[in-house]
């Protein structure tokens, strides 16, 4: 399975164009690519539809450098219907995979919407 890549908006203290939000891809899940310039990240999900208990999971890292991986995955369970969710700060020390990426898994029957990612300086 090839994960859908999420575009990261870098917040650097100056005005910048906002990247277009990425559509939720529940069939392939998501990845924040290796080399994205961040140590902490804010994720914003605009859910246009969801069933109660549809989930968004930020997957814990598997090896070094994710020294806080023992804290495990972070799972959000939808209440149902449309909602806006902000998760963060997400830190590389907990969620960075061995290949330098961050994985976001989407599960549920009707979850749909968009994802925005913001890298904090």
PDB file of N, CA and C in Angstrom:
ATOM      1  N   UNK A   1       0.848  -1.182   0.000  1.00  0.00           N
ATOM      2  CA  UNK A   1       0.000   0.000   0.000  1.00  0.00           C
ATOM      3  C   UNK A   1       0.892   1.243   0.000  1.00  0.00           C
ATOM      4  N   UNK A   2       0.648   2.138  -0.904  1.00  0.00           N
ATOM      5  CA  UNK A   2       1.357   3.414  -0.954  1.00  0.00           C
ATOM      6  C   UNK A   2       0.505   4.449  -0.236  1.00  0.00           C
ATOM      7  N   UNK A   3       1.048   5.024   0.813  1.00  0.00           N
ATOM      8  CA  UNK A   3       0.320   6.029   1.586  1.00  0.00           C
ATOM      9  C   UNK A   3       0.239   7.347   0.826  1.00  0.00           C
ATOM     10  N   UNK A   4      -0.840   8.086   1.042  1.00  0.00           N
ATOM     11  CA  UNK A   4      -1.006   9.415   0.448  1.00  0.00           C
ATOM     12  C   UNK A   4      -0.193  10.428   1.248  1.00  0.00           C
ATOM     13  N   UNK A   5       0.623  11.212   0.555  1.00  0.00           N
ATOM     14  CA  UNK A   5       1.486  12.184   1.233  1.00  0.00           C
ATOM     15  C   UNK A   5       0.719  13.454   1.584  1.00  0.00           C
ATOM     16  N   UNK A   6       0.965  13.956   2.784  1.00  0.00           N
ATOM     17  CA  UNK A   6       0.341  15.186   3.269  1.00  0.00           C
ATOM     18  C   UNK A   6       1.312  16.345   3.059  1.00  0.00           C
ATOM     19  N   UNK A   7       0.808  17.442   2.510  1.00  0.00           N
ATOM     20  CA  UNK A   7       1.601  18.658   2.327  1.00  0.00           C
ATOM     21  C   UNK A   7       1.707  19.383   3.664  1.00  0.00           C
ATOM     22  N   UNK A   8       2.916  19.788   4.043  1.00  0.00           N
ATOM     23  CA  UNK A   8       3.146  20.462   5.323  1.00  0.00           C
ATOM     24  C   UNK A   8       3.285  21.966   5.097  1.00  0.00           C
ATOM     25  N   UNK A   9       2.515  22.752   5.857  1.00  0.00           N
ATOM     26  CA  UNK A   9       2.631  24.216   5.872  1.00  0.00           C
ATOM     27  C   UNK A   9       3.674  24.576   6.929  1.00  0.00           C
ATOM     28  N   UNK A  10       4.755  25.237   6.537  1.00  0.00           N
ATOM     29  CA  UNK A  10       5.799  25.599   7.495  1.00  0.00           C
ATOM     30  C   UNK A  10       5.517  26.975   8.079  1.00  0.00           C
ATOM     31  N   UNK A  11       5.376  27.027   9.399  1.00  0.00           N
ATOM     32  CA  UNK A  11       5.158  28.290  10.106  1.00  0.00           C
ATOM     33  C   UNK A  11       6.517  28.801  10.555  1.00  0.00           C
ATOM     34  N   UNK A  12       6.939  29.935   9.995  1.00  0.00           N
ATOM     35  CA  UNK A  12       8.287  30.425  10.290  1.00  0.00           C
ATOM     36  C   UNK A  12       8.311  31.882  10.739  1.00  0.00           C
ATOM     37  N   UNK A  13       7.181  32.395  11.204  1.00  0.00           N
ATOM     38  CA  UNK A  13       7.142  33.759  11.696  1.00  0.00           C
ATOM     39  C   UNK A  13       6.920  34.806  10.629  1.00  0.00           C
ATOM     40  N   UNK A  14       6.679  34.389   9.404  1.00  0.00           N
ATOM     41  CA  UNK A  14       6.431  35.319   8.301  1.00  0.00           C
ATOM     42  C   UNK A  14       5.145  34.910   7.583  1.00  0.00           C
ATOM     43  N   UNK A  15       4.600  35.827   6.791  1.00  0.00           N
ATOM     44  CA  UNK A  15       3.422  35.484   5.998  1.00  0.00           C
ATOM     45  C   UNK A  15       3.810  34.452   4.948  1.00  0.00           C
ATOM     46  N   UNK A  16       2.937  33.482   4.735  1.00  0.00           N
ATOM     47  CA  UNK A  16       3.185  32.459   3.723  1.00  0.00           C
ATOM     48  C   UNK A  16       1.855  32.003   3.148  1.00  0.00           C
ATOM     49  N   UNK A  17       1.885  31.541   1.927  1.00  0.00           N
ATOM     50  CA  UNK A  17       0.675  30.995   1.329  1.00  0.00           C
ATOM     51  C   UNK A  17       0.282  29.710   2.035  1.00  0.00           C
ATOM     52  N   UNK A  18      -1.013  29.528   2.209  1.00  0.00           N
ATOM     53  CA  UNK A  18      -1.541  28.309   2.814  1.00  0.00           C
ATOM     54  C   UNK A  18      -1.665  27.256   1.724  1.00  0.00           C
ATOM     55  N   UNK A  19      -1.070  26.094   1.945  1.00  0.00           N
ATOM     56  CA  UNK A  19      -1.168  25.010   0.969  1.00  0.00           C
ATOM     57  C   UNK A  19      -2.593  24.468   0.951  1.00  0.00           C
ATOM     58  N   UNK A  20      -3.011  23.926  -0.165  1.00  0.00           N
ATOM     59  CA  UNK A  20      -4.334  23.320  -0.282  1.00  0.00           C
ATOM     60  C   UNK A  20      -4.407  22.104   0.625  1.00  0.00           C
ATOM     61  N   UNK A  21      -5.498  21.979   1.365  1.00  0.00           N
ATOM     62  CA  UNK A  21      -5.679  20.836   2.263  1.00  0.00           C
ATOM     63  C   UNK A  21      -5.718  19.543   1.451  1.00  0.00           C
ATOM     64  N   UNK A  22      -5.247  18.459   2.060  1.00  0.00           N
ATOM     65  CA  UNK A  22      -5.241  17.149   1.413  1.00  0.00           C
ATOM     66  C   UNK A  22      -6.509  16.387   1.780  1.00  0.00           C
ATOM     67  N   UNK A  23      -7.114  15.719   0.804  1.00  0.00           N
ATOM     68  CA  UNK A  23      -8.321  14.927   1.062  1.00  0.00           C
ATOM     69  C   UNK A  23      -7.967  13.685   1.868  1.00  0.00           C
ATOM     70  N   UNK A  24      -8.823  13.336   2.817  1.00  0.00           N
ATOM     71  CA  UNK A  24      -8.629  12.113   3.596  1.00  0.00           C
ATOM     72  C   UNK A  24      -8.730  10.916   2.655  1.00  0.00           C
ATOM     73  N   UNK A  25      -7.749  10.026   2.753  1.00  0.00           N
ATOM     74  CA  UNK A  25      -7.686   8.822   1.923  1.00  0.00           C
ATOM     75  C   UNK A  25      -7.744   7.608   2.840  1.00  0.00           C
ATOM     76  N   UNK A  26      -8.958   7.158   3.163  1.00  0.00           N
ATOM     77  CA  UNK A  26      -9.082   6.049   4.112  1.00  0.00           C
ATOM     78  C   UNK A  26      -8.654   4.715   3.517  1.00  0.00           C
ATOM     79  N   UNK A  27      -8.537   4.636   2.195  1.00  0.00           N
ATOM     80  CA  UNK A  27      -8.093   3.399   1.566  1.00  0.00           C
ATOM     81  C   UNK A  27      -6.595   3.186   1.645  1.00  0.00           C
ATOM     82  N   UNK A  28      -5.822   4.273   1.660  1.00  0.00           N
ATOM     83  CA  UNK A  28      -4.361   4.169   1.645  1.00  0.00           C
ATOM     84  C   UNK A  28      -3.683   4.766   2.867  1.00  0.00           C
ATOM     85  N   UNK A  29      -4.436   5.435   3.736  1.00  0.00           N
ATOM     86  CA  UNK A  29      -3.868   6.126   4.891  1.00  0.00           C
ATOM     87  C   UNK A  29      -2.930   7.243   4.423  1.00  0.00           C
ATOM     88  N   UNK A  30      -2.136   7.800   5.339  1.00  0.00           N
ATOM     89  CA  UNK A  30      -1.346   8.989   5.005  1.00  0.00           C
ATOM     90  C   UNK A  30       0.070   8.904   5.562  1.00  0.00           C
ATOM     91  N   UNK A  31       0.943   9.731   4.982  1.00  0.00           N
ATOM     92  CA  UNK A  31       2.325   9.831   5.430  1.00  0.00           C
ATOM     93  C   UNK A  31       2.762  11.290   5.340  1.00  0.00           C
ATOM     94  N   UNK A  32       3.577  11.692   6.298  1.00  0.00           N
ATOM     95  CA  UNK A  32       4.295  12.959   6.202  1.00  0.00           C
ATOM     96  C   UNK A  32       5.715  12.552   5.848  1.00  0.00           C
ATOM     97  N   UNK A  33       6.186  13.056   4.727  1.00  0.00           N
ATOM     98  CA  UNK A  33       7.422  12.571   4.116  1.00  0.00           C
ATOM     99  C   UNK A  33       8.660  12.820   4.955  1.00  0.00           C
ATOM    100  N   UNK A  34       9.627  11.958   4.730  1.00  0.00           N
ATOM    101  CA  UNK A  34      10.952  12.108   5.315  1.00  0.00           C
ATOM    102  C   UNK A  34      11.533  13.437   4.874  1.00  0.00           C
ATOM    103  N   UNK A  35      12.227  14.085   5.787  1.00  0.00           N
ATOM    104  CA  UNK A  35      12.891  15.329   5.446  1.00  0.00           C
ATOM    105  C   UNK A  35      12.043  16.565   5.613  1.00  0.00           C
ATOM    106  N   UNK A  36      10.757  16.394   5.959  1.00  0.00           N
ATOM    107  CA  UNK A  36       9.943  17.580   6.239  1.00  0.00           C
ATOM    108  C   UNK A  36      10.609  18.310   7.399  1.00  0.00           C
ATOM    109  N   UNK A  37      10.701  19.618   7.318  1.00  0.00           N
ATOM    110  CA  UNK A  37      11.471  20.405   8.275  1.00  0.00           C
ATOM    111  C   UNK A  37      10.646  20.730   9.519  1.00  0.00           C
ATOM    112  N   UNK A  38      10.614  19.818  10.476  1.00  0.00           N
ATOM    113  CA  UNK A  38       9.868  20.063  11.702  1.00  0.00           C
ATOM    114  C   UNK A  38      10.346  19.142  12.820  1.00  0.00           C
ATOM    115  N   UNK A  39      10.106  19.558  14.029  1.00  0.00           N
ATOM    116  CA  UNK A  39      10.263  18.706  15.204  1.00  0.00           C
ATOM    117  C   UNK A  39       8.922  18.538  15.894  1.00  0.00           C
ATOM    118  N   UNK A  40       8.049  19.546  15.692  1.00  0.00           N
ATOM    119  CA  UNK A  40       6.683  19.495  16.231  1.00  0.00           C
ATOM    120  C   UNK A  40       5.719  19.893  15.125  1.00  0.00           C
ATOM    121  N   UNK A  41       4.525  19.339  15.201  1.00  0.00           N
ATOM    122  CA  UNK A  41       3.570  19.467  14.113  1.00  0.00           C
ATOM    123  C   UNK A  41       2.164  19.593  14.684  1.00  0.00           C
ATOM    124  N   UNK A  42       1.331  20.405  14.053  1.00  0.00           N
ATOM    125  CA  UNK A  42      -0.096  20.497  14.378  1.00  0.00           C
ATOM    126  C   UNK A  42      -0.855  19.921  13.186  1.00  0.00           C
ATOM    127  N   UNK A  43      -1.818  19.042  13.451  1.00  0.00           N
ATOM    128  CA  UNK A  43      -2.658  18.472  12.401  1.00  0.00           C
ATOM    129  C   UNK A  43      -4.080  18.959  12.597  1.00  0.00           C
ATOM    130  N   UNK A  44      -4.697  19.422  11.522  1.00  0.00           N
ATOM    131  CA  UNK A  44      -6.076  19.898  11.560  1.00  0.00           C
ATOM    132  C   UNK A  44      -6.900  19.060  10.584  1.00  0.00           C
ATOM    133  N   UNK A  45      -7.971  18.464  11.091  1.00  0.00           N
ATOM    134  CA  UNK A  45      -8.854  17.626  10.283  1.00  0.00           C
ATOM    135  C   UNK A  45     -10.213  18.295  10.202  1.00  0.00           C
ATOM    136  N   UNK A  46     -10.683  18.541   8.996  1.00  0.00           N
ATOM    137  CA  UNK A  46     -12.025  19.076   8.754  1.00  0.00           C
ATOM    138  C   UNK A  46     -12.849  17.891   8.254  1.00  0.00           C
ATOM    139  N   UNK A  47     -13.612  17.277   9.171  1.00  0.00           N
ATOM    140  CA  UNK A  47     -14.395  16.095   8.810  1.00  0.00           C
ATOM    141  C   UNK A  47     -15.753  16.533   8.276  1.00  0.00           C
ATOM    142  N   UNK A  48     -16.029  16.205   7.032  1.00  0.00           N
ATOM    143  CA  UNK A  48     -17.327  16.530   6.440  1.00  0.00           C
ATOM    144  C   UNK A  48     -18.342  15.442   6.743  1.00  0.00           C
ATOM    145  N   UNK A  49     -17.847  14.266   7.089  1.00  0.00           N
ATOM    146  CA  UNK A  49     -18.711  13.148   7.474  1.00  0.00           C
ATOM    147  C   UNK A  49     -17.897  12.175   8.309  1.00  0.00           C
ATOM    148  N   UNK A  50     -18.554  11.548   9.246  1.00  0.00           N
ATOM    149  CA  UNK A  50     -17.930  10.498  10.046  1.00  0.00           C
ATOM    150  C   UNK A  50     -19.029   9.761  10.796  1.00  0.00           C
ATOM    151  N   UNK A  51     -18.783   8.496  11.056  1.00  0.00           N
ATOM    152  CA  UNK A  51     -19.664   7.691  11.880  1.00  0.00           C
ATOM    153  C   UNK A  51     -19.037   7.626  13.261  1.00  0.00           C
ATOM    154  N   UNK A  52     -19.858   7.566  14.295  1.00  0.00           N
ATOM    155  CA  UNK A  52     -19.313   7.438  15.647  1.00  0.00           C
ATOM    156  C   UNK A  52     -18.333   6.272  15.661  1.00  0.00           C
ATOM    157  N   UNK A  53     -17.186   6.492  16.241  1.00  0.00           N
ATOM    158  CA  UNK A  53     -16.112   5.514  16.390  1.00  0.00           C
ATOM    159  C   UNK A  53     -15.221   5.375  15.155  1.00  0.00           C
ATOM    160  N   UNK A  54     -15.430   6.146  14.073  1.00  0.00           N
ATOM    161  CA  UNK A  54     -14.416   6.223  13.018  1.00  0.00           C
ATOM    162  C   UNK A  54     -13.169   6.797  13.692  1.00  0.00           C
ATOM    163  N   UNK A  55     -11.988   6.382  13.275  1.00  0.00           N
ATOM    164  CA  UNK A  55     -10.781   6.796  13.991  1.00  0.00           C
ATOM    165  C   UNK A  55      -9.711   7.397  13.085  1.00  0.00           C
ATOM    166  N   UNK A  56      -8.919   8.262  13.710  1.00  0.00           N
ATOM    167  CA  UNK A  56      -7.696   8.804  13.130  1.00  0.00           C
ATOM    168  C   UNK A  56      -6.591   8.412  14.106  1.00  0.00           C
ATOM    169  N   UNK A  57      -5.562   7.724  13.614  1.00  0.00           N
ATOM    170  CA  UNK A  57      -4.483   7.250  14.479  1.00  0.00           C
ATOM    171  C   UNK A  57      -3.150   7.820  14.019  1.00  0.00           C
ATOM    172  N   UNK A  58      -2.451   8.497  14.935  1.00  0.00           N
ATOM    173  CA  UNK A  58      -1.071   8.916  14.691  1.00  0.00           C
ATOM    174  C   UNK A  58      -0.231   7.759  15.234  1.00  0.00           C
ATOM    175  N   UNK A  59       0.482   7.080  14.344  1.00  0.00           N
ATOM    176  CA  UNK A  59       1.163   5.836  14.684  1.00  0.00           C
ATOM    177  C   UNK A  59       2.492   6.122  15.384  1.00  0.00           C
ATOM    178  N   UNK A  60       2.704   5.470  16.532  1.00  0.00           N
ATOM    179  CA  UNK A  60       3.955   5.631  17.277  1.00  0.00           C
ATOM    180  C   UNK A  60       5.133   5.147  16.438  1.00  0.00           C
ATOM    181  N   UNK A  61       6.282   5.758  16.652  1.00  0.00           N
ATOM    182  CA  UNK A  61       7.496   5.363  15.947  1.00  0.00           C
ATOM    183  C   UNK A  61       7.892   3.937  16.267  1.00  0.00           C
ATOM    184  N   UNK A  62       8.776   3.379  15.448  1.00  0.00           N
ATOM    185  CA  UNK A  62       9.162   1.983  15.599  1.00  0.00           C
ATOM    186  C   UNK A  62      10.578   1.800  16.122  1.00  0.00           C
ATOM    187  N   UNK A  63      11.404   2.810  16.020  1.00  0.00           N
ATOM    188  CA  UNK A  63      12.811   2.673  16.400  1.00  0.00           C
ATOM    189  C   UNK A  63      13.409   4.049  16.625  1.00  0.00           C
ATOM    190  N   UNK A  64      14.719   4.077  16.909  1.00  0.00           N
ATOM    191  CA  UNK A  64      15.435   5.337  17.041  1.00  0.00           C
ATOM    192  C   UNK A  64      15.213   6.143  15.770  1.00  0.00           C
ATOM    193  N   UNK A  65      14.942   7.418  15.807  1.00  0.00           N
ATOM    194  CA  UNK A  65      15.084   8.363  16.904  1.00  0.00           C
ATOM    195  C   UNK A  65      13.820   8.603  17.725  1.00  0.00           C
ATOM    196  N   UNK A  66      12.796   7.777  17.590  1.00  0.00           N
ATOM    197  CA  UNK A  66      11.545   7.973  18.336  1.00  0.00           C
ATOM    198  C   UNK A  66      11.692   7.398  19.749  1.00  0.00           C
ATOM    199  N   UNK A  67      12.472   8.079  20.592  1.00  0.00           N
ATOM    200  CA  UNK A  67      12.760   7.559  21.926  1.00  0.00           C
ATOM    201  C   UNK A  67      11.549   7.591  22.849  1.00  0.00           C
ATOM    202  N   UNK A  68      10.471   8.306  22.482  1.00  0.00           N
ATOM    203  CA  UNK A  68       9.244   8.327  23.288  1.00  0.00           C
ATOM    204  C   UNK A  68       8.162   7.423  22.694  1.00  0.00           C
ATOM    205  N   UNK A  69       8.552   6.523  21.801  1.00  0.00           N
ATOM    206  CA  UNK A  69       7.603   5.637  21.122  1.00  0.00           C
ATOM    207  C   UNK A  69       6.837   4.749  22.090  1.00  0.00           C
ATOM    208  N   UNK A  70       7.385   4.496  23.259  1.00  0.00           N
ATOM    209  CA  UNK A  70       6.721   3.666  24.263  1.00  0.00           C
ATOM    210  C   UNK A  70       5.396   4.239  24.744  1.00  0.00           C
ATOM    211  N   UNK A  71       5.158   5.523  24.494  1.00  0.00           N
ATOM    212  CA  UNK A  71       3.870   6.128  24.858  1.00  0.00           C
ATOM    213  C   UNK A  71       2.748   5.631  23.954  1.00  0.00           C
ATOM    214  N   UNK A  72       3.102   5.028  22.822  1.00  0.00           N
ATOM    215  CA  UNK A  72       2.121   4.408  21.939  1.00  0.00           C
ATOM    216  C   UNK A  72       1.470   5.356  20.953  1.00  0.00           C
ATOM    217  N   UNK A  73       0.505   4.793  20.223  1.00  0.00           N
ATOM    218  CA  UNK A  73      -0.257   5.549  19.228  1.00  0.00           C
ATOM    219  C   UNK A  73      -1.137   6.584  19.907  1.00  0.00           C
ATOM    220  N   UNK A  74      -1.515   7.611  19.157  1.00  0.00           N
ATOM    221  CA  UNK A  74      -2.513   8.583  19.599  1.00  0.00           C
ATOM    222  C   UNK A  74      -3.737   8.370  18.716  1.00  0.00           C
ATOM    223  N   UNK A  75      -4.882   8.036  19.342  1.00  0.00           N
ATOM    224  CA  UNK A  75      -6.088   7.695  18.588  1.00  0.00           C
ATOM    225  C   UNK A  75      -7.201   8.680  18.913  1.00  0.00           C
ATOM    226  N   UNK A  76      -7.795   9.237  17.860  1.00  0.00           N
ATOM    227  CA  UNK A  76      -8.972  10.094  17.987  1.00  0.00           C
ATOM    228  C   UNK A  76     -10.165   9.310  17.469  1.00  0.00           C
ATOM    229  N   UNK A  77     -11.251   9.248  18.264  1.00  0.00           N
ATOM    230  CA  UNK A  77     -12.494   8.604  17.835  1.00  0.00           C
ATOM    231  C   UNK A  77     -13.528   9.678  17.546  1.00  0.00           C
ATOM    232  N   UNK A  78     -14.070   9.658  16.341  1.00  0.00           N
ATOM    233  CA  UNK A  78     -15.065  10.651  15.930  1.00  0.00           C
ATOM    234  C   UNK A  78     -16.368  10.468  16.703  1.00  0.00           C
ATOM    235  N   UNK A  79     -17.059  11.575  16.906  1.00  0.00           N
ATOM    236  CA  UNK A  79     -18.354  11.532  17.583  1.00  0.00           C
ATOM    237  C   UNK A  79     -19.474  11.206  16.603  1.00  0.00           C
ATOM    238  N   UNK A  80     -19.239  11.440  15.334  1.00  0.00           N
ATOM    239  CA  UNK A  80     -20.248  11.223  14.302  1.00  0.00           C
ATOM    240  C   UNK A  80     -20.672  12.542  13.694  1.00  0.00           C
ATOM    241  N   UNK A  81     -20.893  12.546  12.387  1.00  0.00           N
ATOM    242  CA  UNK A  81     -21.268  13.774  11.697  1.00  0.00           C
ATOM    243  C   UNK A  81     -20.057  14.610  11.346  1.00  0.00           C
ATOM    244  N   UNK A  82     -20.312  15.861  10.995  1.00  0.00           N
ATOM    245  CA  UNK A  82     -19.236  16.783  10.629  1.00  0.00           C
ATOM    246  C   UNK A  82     -18.612  17.365  11.890  1.00  0.00           C
ATOM    247  N   UNK A  83     -17.301  17.496  11.892  1.00  0.00           N
ATOM    248  CA  UNK A  83     -16.606  18.126  13.016  1.00  0.00           C
ATOM    249  C   UNK A  83     -15.215  18.555  12.584  1.00  0.00           C
ATOM    250  N   UNK A  84     -14.648  19.472  13.349  1.00  0.00           N
ATOM    251  CA  UNK A  84     -13.288  19.947  13.098  1.00  0.00           C
ATOM    252  C   UNK A  84     -12.436  19.529  14.285  1.00  0.00           C
ATOM    253  N   UNK A  85     -11.282  18.950  13.990  1.00  0.00           N
ATOM    254  CA  UNK A  85     -10.415  18.402  15.028  1.00  0.00           C
ATOM    255  C   UNK A  85      -9.003  18.928  14.825  1.00  0.00           C
ATOM    256  N   UNK A  86      -8.382  19.384  15.903  1.00  0.00           N
ATOM    257  CA  UNK A  86      -6.996  19.831  15.871  1.00  0.00           C
ATOM    258  C   UNK A  86      -6.212  18.945  16.835  1.00  0.00           C
ATOM    259  N   UNK A  87      -5.133  18.346  16.361  1.00  0.00           N
ATOM    260  CA  UNK A  87      -4.331  17.427  17.166  1.00  0.00           C
ATOM    261  C   UNK A  87      -2.897  17.935  17.184  1.00  0.00           C
ATOM    262  N   UNK A  88      -2.338  18.065  18.386  1.00  0.00           N
ATOM    263  CA  UNK A  88      -0.942  18.463  18.451  1.00  0.00           C
ATOM    264  C   UNK A  88      -0.595  19.148  19.754  1.00  0.00           C
ATOM    265  N   UNK A  89       0.653  19.480  19.954  1.00  0.00           N
ATOM    266  CA  UNK A  89       1.711  19.257  18.972  1.00  0.00           C
ATOM    267  C   UNK A  89       2.117  17.784  18.899  1.00  0.00           C
ATOM    268  N   UNK A  90       2.296  17.329  17.683  1.00  0.00           N
ATOM    269  CA  UNK A  90       2.803  15.991  17.395  1.00  0.00           C
ATOM    270  C   UNK A  90       4.321  16.131  17.356  1.00  0.00           C
ATOM    271  N   UNK A  91       5.030  15.303  18.106  1.00  0.00           N
ATOM    272  CA  UNK A  91       6.488  15.451  18.143  1.00  0.00           C
ATOM    273  C   UNK A  91       7.192  14.247  17.528  1.00  0.00           C
ATOM    274  N   UNK A  92       8.283  14.517  16.849  1.00  0.00           N
ATOM    275  CA  UNK A  92       9.034  13.451  16.193  1.00  0.00           C
ATOM    276  C   UNK A  92       9.578  12.447  17.201  1.00  0.00           C
ATOM    277  N   UNK A  93       9.841  12.865  18.418  1.00  0.00           N
ATOM    278  CA  UNK A  93      10.389  11.970  19.434  1.00  0.00           C
ATOM    279  C   UNK A  93       9.447  10.810  19.754  1.00  0.00           C
ATOM    280  N   UNK A  94       8.174  10.953  19.443  1.00  0.00           N
ATOM    281  CA  UNK A  94       7.199   9.884  19.700  1.00  0.00           C
ATOM    282  C   UNK A  94       6.747   9.187  18.418  1.00  0.00           C
ATOM    283  N   UNK A  95       6.638   9.919  17.316  1.00  0.00           N
ATOM    284  CA  UNK A  95       5.955   9.392  16.133  1.00  0.00           C
ATOM    285  C   UNK A  95       6.825   9.142  14.906  1.00  0.00           C
ATOM    286  N   UNK A  96       8.089   9.543  14.925  1.00  0.00           N
ATOM    287  CA  UNK A  96       8.938   9.372  13.744  1.00  0.00           C
ATOM    288  C   UNK A  96       9.239   7.892  13.508  1.00  0.00           C
ATOM    289  N   UNK A  97       8.991   7.425  12.286  1.00  0.00           N
ATOM    290  CA  UNK A  97       9.293   6.044  11.909  1.00  0.00           C
ATOM    291  C   UNK A  97      10.780   5.924  11.581  1.00  0.00           C
ATOM    292  N   UNK A  98      11.290   4.706  11.509  1.00  0.00           N
ATOM    293  CA  UNK A  98      12.709   4.471  11.240  1.00  0.00           C
ATOM    294  C   UNK A  98      13.151   5.066   9.899  1.00  0.00           C
ATOM    295  N   UNK A  99      12.213   5.188   8.940  1.00  0.00           N
ATOM    296  CA  UNK A  99      12.563   5.746   7.626  1.00  0.00           C
ATOM    297  C   UNK A  99      12.416   7.266   7.572  1.00  0.00           C
ATOM    298  N   UNK A 100      12.118   7.905   8.722  1.00  0.00           N
ATOM    299  CA  UNK A 100      12.028   9.361   8.783  1.00  0.00           C
ATOM    300  C   UNK A 100      10.656   9.930   8.484  1.00  0.00           C
ATOM    301  N   UNK A 101       9.648   9.091   8.329  1.00  0.00           N
ATOM    302  CA  UNK A 101       8.290   9.544   8.034  1.00  0.00           C
ATOM    303  C   UNK A 101       7.409   9.490   9.280  1.00  0.00           C
ATOM    304  N   UNK A 102       6.229  10.088   9.191  1.00  0.00           N
ATOM    305  CA  UNK A 102       5.194   9.963  10.220  1.00  0.00           C
ATOM    306  C   UNK A 102       3.968   9.377   9.539  1.00  0.00           C
ATOM    307  N   UNK A 103       3.362   8.360  10.163  1.00  0.00           N
ATOM    308  CA  UNK A 103       2.211   7.670   9.584  1.00  0.00           C
ATOM    309  C   UNK A 103       0.919   8.062  10.293  1.00  0.00           C
ATOM    310  N   UNK A 104      -0.121   8.286   9.493  1.00  0.00           N
ATOM    311  CA  UNK A 104      -1.450   8.608  10.000  1.00  0.00           C
ATOM    312  C   UNK A 104      -2.420   7.618   9.370  1.00  0.00           C
ATOM    313  N   UNK A 105      -3.084   6.823  10.209  1.00  0.00           N
ATOM    314  CA  UNK A 105      -4.029   5.823   9.726  1.00  0.00           C
ATOM    315  C   UNK A 105      -5.453   6.313   9.929  1.00  0.00           C
ATOM    316  N   UNK A 106      -6.304   6.040   8.951  1.00  0.00           N
ATOM    317  CA  UNK A 106      -7.707   6.435   8.973  1.00  0.00           C
ATOM    318  C   UNK A 106      -8.535   5.158   8.901  1.00  0.00           C
ATOM    319  N   UNK A 107      -9.516   5.011   9.795  1.00  0.00           N
ATOM    320  CA  UNK A 107     -10.366   3.823   9.771  1.00  0.00           C
ATOM    321  C   UNK A 107     -11.811   4.218  10.024  1.00  0.00           C
ATOM    322  N   UNK A 108     -12.704   3.597   9.298  1.00  0.00           N
ATOM    323  CA  UNK A 108     -14.119   3.849   9.510  1.00  0.00           C
ATOM    324  C   UNK A 108     -14.916   3.671   8.245  1.00  0.00           C
ATOM    325  N   UNK A 109     -16.216   3.660   8.408  1.00  0.00           N
ATOM    326  CA  UNK A 109     -17.097   3.396   7.276  1.00  0.00           C
ATOM    327  C   UNK A 109     -17.389   4.628   6.445  1.00  0.00           C
ATOM    328  N   UNK A 110     -17.481   5.798   7.079  1.00  0.00           N
ATOM    329  CA  UNK A 110     -17.910   6.976   6.313  1.00  0.00           C
ATOM    330  C   UNK A 110     -17.037   8.206   6.505  1.00  0.00           C
ATOM    331  N   UNK A 111     -15.889   8.066   7.145  1.00  0.00           N
ATOM    332  CA  UNK A 111     -15.052   9.232   7.429  1.00  0.00           C
ATOM    333  C   UNK A 111     -14.572   9.875   6.122  1.00  0.00           C
ATOM    334  N   UNK A 112     -14.747  11.188   6.033  1.00  0.00           N
ATOM    335  CA  UNK A 112     -14.353  11.949   4.843  1.00  0.00           C
ATOM    336  C   UNK A 112     -14.022  13.370   5.272  1.00  0.00           C
ATOM    337  N   UNK A 113     -13.224  14.059   4.470  1.00  0.00           N
ATOM    338  CA  UNK A 113     -12.870  15.443   4.762  1.00  0.00           C
ATOM    339  C   UNK A 113     -11.473  15.754   4.296  1.00  0.00           C
ATOM    340  N   UNK A 114     -10.817  16.684   4.990  1.00  0.00           N
ATOM    341  CA  UNK A 114      -9.482  17.128   4.596  1.00  0.00           C
ATOM    342  C   UNK A 114      -8.542  17.183   5.794  1.00  0.00           C
ATOM    343  N   UNK A 115      -7.236  17.208   5.481  1.00  0.00           N
ATOM    344  CA  UNK A 115      -6.175  17.295   6.490  1.00  0.00           C
ATOM    345  C   UNK A 115      -5.263  18.460   6.133  1.00  0.00           C
ATOM    346  N   UNK A 116      -4.937  19.270   7.142  1.00  0.00           N
ATOM    347  CA  UNK A 116      -3.899  20.292   7.029  1.00  0.00           C
ATOM    348  C   UNK A 116      -2.824  19.962   8.053  1.00  0.00           C
ATOM    349  N   UNK A 117      -1.559  20.143   7.684  1.00  0.00           N
ATOM    350  CA  UNK A 117      -0.445  19.931   8.602  1.00  0.00           C
ATOM    351  C   UNK A 117       0.359  21.222   8.702  1.00  0.00           C
ATOM    352  N   UNK A 118       0.732  21.587   9.923  1.00  0.00           N
ATOM    353  CA  UNK A 118       1.490  22.812  10.183  1.00  0.00           C
ATOM    354  C   UNK A 118       2.733  22.467  10.986  1.00  0.00           C
ATOM    355  N   UNK A 119       3.921  22.762  10.442  1.00  0.00           N
ATOM    356  CA  UNK A 119       5.182  22.541  11.137  1.00  0.00           C
ATOM    357  C   UNK A 119       5.491  23.754  11.994  1.00  0.00           C
ATOM    358  N   UNK A 120       5.781  23.515  13.264  1.00  0.00           N
ATOM    359  CA  UNK A 120       6.135  24.592  14.186  1.00  0.00           C
ATOM    360  C   UNK A 120       7.647  24.799  14.161  1.00  0.00           C
ATOM    361  N   UNK A 121       8.096  26.055  14.293  1.00  0.00           N
ATOM    362  CA  UNK A 121       9.544  26.313  14.269  1.00  0.00           C
ATOM    363  C   UNK A 121      10.222  25.794  15.529  1.00  0.00           C
TER     364      UNK A 121
END
